[in-house]
């Protein structure tokens, strides 16, 4: 079975041509306000550059926002760690804790007040 040739009626062809010509008129340089293709090319280049700059700046801002959130989380975690270690240190400095740790050694608890020794640096030969 062979295909037959397709004949396009003259009226259909004229109708299609009128649609194409109306599209051409819509996109002519004069309608857009440009005198020649060079001006249109420069305009398109500027639009493309602005678009790429906007994409870059948006990406950069999102990246910095993400980094800032991560740093805030890390700072909060470090603050909690600091407070926890500070509490542990305070607990270890208590007198009862010190005595428990020194119980097995020969070091006894200091019962007398500490005696302050005052000296004159000139007596020791320091001038």
Foldseek 3Di string as FASTA:
>chain_A
DDDDDDDDDPVNVVVVVVVVVVVCVCPDCVNVPHDDVVVVVVVVVVVVVVVVVVVVVVVVVVVVVVVVVVVVVVVVVVVVVVVVVVVVVVVCPDPVNVCVVCVPPPDDDDDDDDDDDDDDVVVVPDD
